Amino acid sequence: MKTPHTIRLFFERNGFAVSTRLAELLGMKVKSVRIFFIYASFATLVGGFALYLTLAFWMKLKDMVYTKRSSVFDL
């Protein structure tokens, strides 16, 4: 059974060099790739929240405009 220390070392050697490998593959600076990942994560978070608020507002507006009427006398 592997100890947690050896598992951590395995992931540090193989998993944390993603931006370095991607930068080498694309011929870019590592700093630029890391900054892009940071900006993309913030844009995804803010974009998802904005989409949620827009859809909630739209559904509330739809409910206010289209109301069910139970009979003809409710006009």
PDB file of N, CA and C in Angstrom:
ATOM      1  N   MET A   1       0.838  -1.181   0.000  1.00  0.00           N
ATOM      2  CA  MET A   1       0.000   0.000   0.000  1.00  0.00           C
ATOM      3  C   MET A   1       0.884   1.246   0.000  1.00  0.00           C
ATOM      4  N   LYS A   2       0.546   2.189  -0.848  1.00  0.00           N
ATOM      5  CA  LYS A   2       1.345   3.410  -0.948  1.00  0.00           C
ATOM      6  C   LYS A   2       0.990   4.360   0.182  1.00  0.00           C
ATOM      7  N   THR A   3       1.967   5.039   0.634  1.00  0.00           N
ATOM      8  CA  THR A   3       1.714   6.032   1.671  1.00  0.00           C
ATOM      9  C   THR A   3       1.208   7.324   1.025  1.00  0.00           C
ATOM     10  N   PRO A   4       0.539   8.155   1.791  1.00  0.00           N
ATOM     11  CA  PRO A   4       0.052   9.423   1.226  1.00  0.00           C
ATOM     12  C   PRO A   4       1.182  10.311   0.695  1.00  0.00           C
ATOM     13  N   HIS A   5       2.358  10.172   1.281  1.00  0.00           N
ATOM     14  CA  HIS A   5       3.491  10.981   0.825  1.00  0.00           C
ATOM     15  C   HIS A   5       3.916  10.601  -0.593  1.00  0.00           C
ATOM     16  N   THR A   6       3.961   9.309  -0.894  1.00  0.00           N
ATOM     17  CA  THR A   6       4.356   8.886  -2.242  1.00  0.00           C
ATOM     18  C   THR A   6       3.276   9.228  -3.265  1.00  0.00           C
ATOM     19  N   ILE A   7       2.014   9.165  -2.848  1.00  0.00           N
ATOM     20  CA  ILE A   7       0.924   9.552  -3.755  1.00  0.00           C
ATOM     21  C   ILE A   7       1.013  11.045  -4.058  1.00  0.00           C
ATOM     22  N   ARG A   8       1.273  11.844  -3.048  1.00  0.00           N
ATOM     23  CA  ARG A   8       1.406  13.291  -3.247  1.00  0.00           C
ATOM     24  C   ARG A   8       2.579  13.599  -4.173  1.00  0.00           C
ATOM     25  N   LEU A   9       3.707  12.909  -3.976  1.00  0.00           N
ATOM     26  CA  LEU A   9       4.867  13.132  -4.844  1.00  0.00           C
ATOM     27  C   LEU A   9       4.574  12.741  -6.291  1.00  0.00           C
ATOM     28  N   PHE A  10       3.809  11.660  -6.487  1.00  0.00           N
ATOM     29  CA  PHE A  10       3.448  11.249  -7.840  1.00  0.00           C
ATOM     30  C   PHE A  10       2.641  12.344  -8.546  1.00  0.00           C
ATOM     31  N   PHE A  11       1.644  12.902  -7.848  1.00  0.00           N
ATOM     32  CA  PHE A  11       0.833  13.945  -8.466  1.00  0.00           C
ATOM     33  C   PHE A  11       1.607  15.244  -8.645  1.00  0.00           C
ATOM     34  N   GLU A  12       2.532  15.537  -7.768  1.00  0.00           N
ATOM     35  CA  GLU A  12       3.345  16.742  -7.935  1.00  0.00           C
ATOM     36  C   GLU A  12       4.254  16.618  -9.147  1.00  0.00           C
ATOM     37  N   ARG A  13       4.800  15.435  -9.362  1.00  0.00           N
ATOM     38  CA  ARG A  13       5.676  15.252 -10.526  1.00  0.00           C
ATOM     39  C   ARG A  13       4.913  15.210 -11.839  1.00  0.00           C
ATOM     40  N   ASN A  14       3.742  14.571 -11.846  1.00  0.00           N
ATOM     41  CA  ASN A  14       3.036  14.336 -13.112  1.00  0.00           C
ATOM     42  C   ASN A  14       1.840  15.247 -13.356  1.00  0.00           C
ATOM     43  N   GLY A  15       1.238  15.783 -12.343  1.00  0.00           N
ATOM     44  CA  GLY A  15       0.001  16.533 -12.531  1.00  0.00           C
ATOM     45  C   GLY A  15       0.144  18.035 -12.503  1.00  0.00           C
ATOM     46  N   PHE A  16       1.150  18.549 -11.839  1.00  0.00           N
ATOM     47  CA  PHE A  16       1.253  19.987 -11.675  1.00  0.00           C
ATOM     48  C   PHE A  16       2.043  20.667 -12.785  1.00  0.00           C
ATOM     49  N   ALA A  17       2.485  19.942 -13.762  1.00  0.00           N
ATOM     50  CA  ALA A  17       3.246  20.534 -14.850  1.00  0.00           C
ATOM     51  C   ALA A  17       2.398  20.709 -16.106  1.00  0.00           C
ATOM     52  N   VAL A  18       1.100  20.828 -15.919  1.00  0.00           N
ATOM     53  CA  VAL A  18       0.196  20.936 -17.069  1.00  0.00           C
ATOM     54  C   VAL A  18       0.453  22.229 -17.828  1.00  0.00           C
ATOM     55  N   SER A  19       0.528  23.341 -17.120  1.00  0.00           N
ATOM     56  CA  SER A  19       0.735  24.615 -17.810  1.00  0.00           C
ATOM     57  C   SER A  19       2.128  24.688 -18.432  1.00  0.00           C
ATOM     58  N   THR A  20       3.113  24.080 -17.808  1.00  0.00           N
ATOM     59  CA  THR A  20       4.457  24.062 -18.384  1.00  0.00           C
ATOM     60  C   THR A  20       4.483  23.267 -19.678  1.00  0.00           C
ATOM     61  N   ARG A  21       3.871  22.100 -19.656  1.00  0.00           N
ATOM     62  CA  ARG A  21       3.846  21.272 -20.871  1.00  0.00           C
ATOM     63  C   ARG A  21       3.037  21.933 -21.986  1.00  0.00           C
ATOM     64  N   LEU A  22       1.930  22.548 -21.619  1.00  0.00           N
ATOM     65  CA  LEU A  22       1.109  23.224 -22.625  1.00  0.00           C
ATOM     66  C   LEU A  22       1.846  24.414 -23.225  1.00  0.00           C
ATOM     67  N   ALA A  23       2.566  25.157 -22.386  1.00  0.00           N
ATOM     68  CA  ALA A  23       3.331  26.299 -22.882  1.00  0.00           C
ATOM     69  C   ALA A  23       4.453  25.851 -23.807  1.00  0.00           C
ATOM     70  N   GLU A  24       5.112  24.759 -23.474  1.00  0.00           N
ATOM     71  CA  GLU A  24       6.159  24.239 -24.358  1.00  0.00           C
ATOM     72  C   GLU A  24       5.574  23.768 -25.679  1.00  0.00           C
ATOM     73  N   LEU A  25       4.415  23.144 -25.625  1.00  0.00           N
ATOM     74  CA  LEU A  25       3.772  22.652 -26.842  1.00  0.00           C
ATOM     75  C   LEU A  25       3.362  23.800 -27.756  1.00  0.00           C
ATOM     76  N   LEU A  26       2.849  24.898 -27.169  1.00  0.00           N
ATOM     77  CA  LEU A  26       2.386  26.032 -27.961  1.00  0.00           C
ATOM     78  C   LEU A  26       3.472  27.057 -28.254  1.00  0.00           C
ATOM     79  N   GLY A  27       4.613  26.939 -27.594  1.00  0.00           N
ATOM     80  CA  GLY A  27       5.698  27.886 -27.808  1.00  0.00           C
ATOM     81  C   GLY A  27       5.424  29.231 -27.148  1.00  0.00           C
ATOM     82  N   MET A  28       4.825  29.205 -25.973  1.00  0.00           N
ATOM     83  CA  MET A  28       4.481  30.420 -25.256  1.00  0.00           C
ATOM     84  C   MET A  28       5.208  30.447 -23.920  1.00  0.00           C
ATOM     85  N   LYS A  29       5.064  31.576 -23.218  1.00  0.00           N
ATOM     86  CA  LYS A  29       5.596  31.671 -21.871  1.00  0.00           C
ATOM     87  C   LYS A  29       4.651  30.958 -20.904  1.00  0.00           C
ATOM     88  N   VAL A  30       5.215  30.351 -19.886  1.00  0.00           N
ATOM     89  CA  VAL A  30       4.413  29.635 -18.896  1.00  0.00           C
ATOM     90  C   VAL A  30       3.523  30.619 -18.135  1.00  0.00           C
ATOM     91  N   LYS A  31       4.045  31.795 -17.876  1.00  0.00           N
ATOM     92  CA  LYS A  31       3.270  32.799 -17.144  1.00  0.00           C
ATOM     93  C   LYS A  31       2.003  33.178 -17.910  1.00  0.00           C
ATOM     94  N   SER A  32       2.095  33.286 -19.213  1.00  0.00           N
ATOM     95  CA  SER A  32       0.925  33.643 -20.026  1.00  0.00           C
ATOM     96  C   SER A  32      -0.146  32.552 -19.969  1.00  0.00           C
ATOM     97  N   VAL A  33       0.272  31.301 -19.977  1.00  0.00           N
ATOM     98  CA  VAL A  33      -0.684  30.197 -19.918  1.00  0.00           C
ATOM     99  C   VAL A  33      -1.369  30.171 -18.560  1.00  0.00           C
ATOM    100  N   ARG A  34      -0.612  30.378 -17.491  1.00  0.00           N
ATOM    101  CA  ARG A  34      -1.200  30.384 -16.152  1.00  0.00           C
ATOM    102  C   ARG A  34      -2.175  31.546 -15.974  1.00  0.00           C
ATOM    103  N   ILE A  35      -1.808  32.717 -16.477  1.00  0.00           N
ATOM    104  CA  ILE A  35      -2.705  33.876 -16.404  1.00  0.00           C
ATOM    105  C   ILE A  35      -3.989  33.612 -17.186  1.00  0.00           C
ATOM    106  N   PHE A  36      -3.873  32.958 -18.341  1.00  0.00           N
ATOM    107  CA  PHE A  36      -5.057  32.615 -19.125  1.00  0.00           C
ATOM    108  C   PHE A  36      -5.976  31.691 -18.342  1.00  0.00           C
ATOM    109  N   PHE A  37      -5.432  30.679 -17.676  1.00  0.00           N
ATOM    110  CA  PHE A  37      -6.256  29.767 -16.881  1.00  0.00           C
ATOM    111  C   PHE A  37      -6.961  30.506 -15.743  1.00  0.00           C
ATOM    112  N   ILE A  38      -6.279  31.447 -15.114  1.00  0.00           N
ATOM    113  CA  ILE A  38      -6.886  32.213 -14.034  1.00  0.00           C
ATOM    114  C   ILE A  38      -8.033  33.066 -14.571  1.00  0.00           C
ATOM    115  N   TYR A  39      -7.797  33.777 -15.664  1.00  0.00           N
ATOM    116  CA  TYR A  39      -8.850  34.612 -16.253  1.00  0.00           C
ATOM    117  C   TYR A  39     -10.020  33.770 -16.749  1.00  0.00           C
ATOM    118  N   ALA A  40      -9.733  32.626 -17.346  1.00  0.00           N
ATOM    119  CA  ALA A  40     -10.799  31.761 -17.854  1.00  0.00           C
ATOM    120  C   ALA A  40     -11.659  31.218 -16.714  1.00  0.00           C
ATOM    121  N   SER A  41     -11.040  30.896 -15.584  1.00  0.00           N
ATOM    122  CA  SER A  41     -11.839  30.399 -14.458  1.00  0.00           C
ATOM    123  C   SER A  41     -12.730  31.494 -13.896  1.00  0.00           C
ATOM    124  N   PHE A  42     -12.235  32.725 -13.795  1.00  0.00           N
ATOM    125  CA  PHE A  42     -13.079  33.823 -13.324  1.00  0.00           C
ATOM    126  C   PHE A  42     -14.197  34.124 -14.315  1.00  0.00           C
ATOM    127  N   ALA A  43     -13.896  34.096 -15.601  1.00  0.00           N
ATOM    128  CA  ALA A  43     -14.924  34.369 -16.612  1.00  0.00           C
ATOM    129  C   ALA A  43     -16.008  33.295 -16.585  1.00  0.00           C
ATOM    130  N   THR A  44     -15.626  32.052 -16.372  1.00  0.00           N
ATOM    131  CA  THR A  44     -16.601  30.974 -16.299  1.00  0.00           C
ATOM    132  C   THR A  44     -17.498  31.129 -15.085  1.00  0.00           C
ATOM    133  N   LEU A  45     -16.900  31.481 -13.955  1.00  0.00           N
ATOM    134  CA  LEU A  45     -17.677  31.657 -12.737  1.00  0.00           C
ATOM    135  C   LEU A  45     -18.652  32.821 -12.865  1.00  0.00           C
ATOM    136  N   VAL A  46     -18.175  33.953 -13.335  1.00  0.00           N
ATOM    137  CA  VAL A  46     -19.027  35.140 -13.469  1.00  0.00           C
ATOM    138  C   VAL A  46     -20.060  34.939 -14.569  1.00  0.00           C
ATOM    139  N   GLY A  47     -19.676  34.300 -15.661  1.00  0.00           N
ATOM    140  CA  GLY A  47     -20.612  34.058 -16.759  1.00  0.00           C
ATOM    141  C   GLY A  47     -21.749  33.136 -16.360  1.00  0.00           C
ATOM    142  N   GLY A  48     -21.437  32.106 -15.603  1.00  0.00           N
ATOM    143  CA  GLY A  48     -22.480  31.194 -15.129  1.00  0.00           C
ATOM    144  C   GLY A  48     -23.448  31.877 -14.190  1.00  0.00           C
ATOM    145  N   PHE A  49     -22.933  32.706 -13.290  1.00  0.00           N
ATOM    146  CA  PHE A  49     -23.792  33.426 -12.362  1.00  0.00           C
ATOM    147  C   PHE A  49     -24.666  34.432 -13.099  1.00  0.00           C
ATOM    148  N   ALA A  50     -24.111  35.130 -14.092  1.00  0.00           N
ATOM    149  CA  ALA A  50     -24.885  36.089 -14.875  1.00  0.00           C
ATOM    150  C   ALA A  50     -25.975  35.378 -15.678  1.00  0.00           C
ATOM    151  N   LEU A  51     -25.663  34.225 -16.233  1.00  0.00           N
ATOM    152  CA  LEU A  51     -26.664  33.454 -16.970  1.00  0.00           C
ATOM    153  C   LEU A  51     -27.792  33.008 -16.035  1.00  0.00           C
ATOM    154  N   TYR A  52     -27.433  32.571 -14.823  1.00  0.00           N
ATOM    155  CA  TYR A  52     -28.442  32.173 -13.838  1.00  0.00           C
ATOM    156  C   TYR A  52     -29.362  33.340 -13.494  1.00  0.00           C
ATOM    157  N   LEU A  53     -28.803  34.509 -13.234  1.00  0.00           N
ATOM    158  CA  LEU A  53     -29.632  35.662 -12.899  1.00  0.00           C
ATOM    159  C   LEU A  53     -30.523  36.087 -14.059  1.00  0.00           C
ATOM    160  N   THR A  54     -29.997  36.027 -15.276  1.00  0.00           N
ATOM    161  CA  THR A  54     -30.781  36.389 -16.451  1.00  0.00           C
ATOM    162  C   THR A  54     -31.964  35.444 -16.634  1.00  0.00           C
ATOM    163  N   LEU A  55     -31.714  34.142 -16.495  1.00  0.00           N
ATOM    164  CA  LEU A  55     -32.801  33.178 -16.651  1.00  0.00           C
ATOM    165  C   LEU A  55     -33.829  33.306 -15.528  1.00  0.00           C
ATOM    166  N   ALA A  56     -33.379  33.575 -14.313  1.00  0.00           N
ATOM    167  CA  ALA A  56     -34.322  33.756 -13.202  1.00  0.00           C
ATOM    168  C   ALA A  56     -35.200  34.986 -13.437  1.00  0.00           C
ATOM    169  N   PHE A  57     -34.606  36.069 -13.897  1.00  0.00           N
ATOM    170  CA  PHE A  57     -35.373  37.275 -14.195  1.00  0.00           C
ATOM    171  C   PHE A  57     -36.363  37.022 -15.319  1.00  0.00           C
ATOM    172  N   TRP A  58     -35.940  36.308 -16.351  1.00  0.00           N
ATOM    173  CA  TRP A  58     -36.794  36.022 -17.497  1.00  0.00           C
ATOM    174  C   TRP A  58     -37.979  35.155 -17.083  1.00  0.00           C
ATOM    175  N   MET A  59     -37.734  34.154 -16.238  1.00  0.00           N
ATOM    176  CA  MET A  59     -38.824  33.293 -15.791  1.00  0.00           C
ATOM    177  C   MET A  59     -39.805  34.057 -14.894  1.00  0.00           C
ATOM    178  N   LYS A  60     -39.301  34.939 -14.052  1.00  0.00           N
ATOM    179  CA  LYS A  60     -40.173  35.750 -13.207  1.00  0.00           C
ATOM    180  C   LYS A  60     -41.015  36.697 -14.066  1.00  0.00           C
ATOM    181  N   LEU A  61     -40.398  37.288 -15.078  1.00  0.00           N
ATOM    182  CA  LEU A  61     -41.123  38.169 -15.985  1.00  0.00           C
ATOM    183  C   LEU A  61     -42.189  37.409 -16.759  1.00  0.00           C
ATOM    184  N   LYS A  62     -41.870  36.206 -17.192  1.00  0.00           N
ATOM    185  CA  LYS A  62     -42.827  35.377 -17.910  1.00  0.00           C
ATOM    186  C   LYS A  62     -44.018  35.039 -17.024  1.00  0.00           C
ATOM    187  N   ASP A  63     -43.757  34.736 -15.765  1.00  0.00           N
ATOM    188  CA  ASP A  63     -44.858  34.426 -14.851  1.00  0.00           C
ATOM    189  C   ASP A  63     -45.730  35.641 -14.582  1.00  0.00           C
ATOM    190  N   MET A  64     -45.152  36.808 -14.604  1.00  0.00           N
ATOM    191  CA  MET A  64     -45.938  38.018 -14.373  1.00  0.00           C
ATOM    192  C   MET A  64     -46.795  38.369 -15.578  1.00  0.00           C
ATOM    193  N   VAL A  65     -46.325  38.082 -16.778  1.00  0.00           N
ATOM    194  CA  VAL A  65     -47.056  38.434 -17.996  1.00  0.00           C
ATOM    195  C   VAL A  65     -48.138  37.404 -18.306  1.00  0.00           C
ATOM    196  N   TYR A  66     -47.774  36.134 -18.279  1.00  0.00           N
ATOM    197  CA  TYR A  66     -48.721  35.073 -18.604  1.00  0.00           C
ATOM    198  C   TYR A  66     -49.285  34.500 -17.304  1.00  0.00           C
ATOM    199  N   THR A  67     -50.470  34.944 -16.923  1.00  0.00           N
ATOM    200  CA  THR A  67     -51.122  34.404 -15.734  1.00  0.00           C
ATOM    201  C   THR A  67     -52.264  33.500 -16.168  1.00  0.00           C
ATOM    202  N   LYS A  68     -52.470  32.428 -15.448  1.00  0.00           N
ATOM    203  CA  LYS A  68     -53.560  31.513 -15.758  1.00  0.00           C
ATOM    204  C   LYS A  68     -54.851  32.096 -15.206  1.00  0.00           C
ATOM    205  N   ARG A  69     -55.847  32.076 -16.029  1.00  0.00           N
ATOM    206  CA  ARG A  69     -57.165  32.536 -15.612  1.00  0.00           C
ATOM    207  C   ARG A  69     -58.071  31.311 -15.503  1.00  0.00           C
ATOM    208  N   SER A  70     -58.739  31.233 -14.391  1.00  0.00           N
ATOM    209  CA  SER A  70     -59.535  30.033 -14.162  1.00  0.00           C
ATOM    210  C   SER A  70     -60.899  30.063 -14.873  1.00  0.00           C
ATOM    211  N   SER A  71     -61.428  31.252 -15.100  1.00  0.00           N
ATOM    212  CA  SER A  71     -62.727  31.306 -15.775  1.00  0.00           C
ATOM    213  C   SER A  71     -62.813  32.585 -16.623  1.00  0.00           C
ATOM    214  N   VAL A  72     -63.899  32.712 -17.326  1.00  0.00           N
ATOM    215  CA  VAL A  72     -64.122  33.865 -18.179  1.00  0.00           C
ATOM    216  C   VAL A  72     -64.398  35.109 -17.344  1.00  0.00           C
ATOM    217  N   PHE A  73     -64.949  34.922 -16.159  1.00  0.00           N
ATOM    218  CA  PHE A  73     -65.347  36.050 -15.319  1.00  0.00           C
ATOM    219  C   PHE A  73     -64.155  36.716 -14.620  1.00  0.00           C
ATOM    220  N   ASP A  74     -62.938  36.178 -14.760  1.00  0.00           N
ATOM    221  CA  ASP A  74     -61.769  36.790 -14.143  1.00  0.00           C
ATOM    222  C   ASP A  74     -61.230  37.958 -14.959  1.00  0.00           C
ATOM    223  N   LEU A  75     -61.775  38.195 -16.121  1.00  0.00           N
ATOM    224  CA  LEU A  75     -61.318  39.304 -16.950  1.00  0.00           C
ATOM    225  C   LEU A  75     -61.730  40.577 -16.328  1.00  0.00           C
TER     226      LEU A  75
END
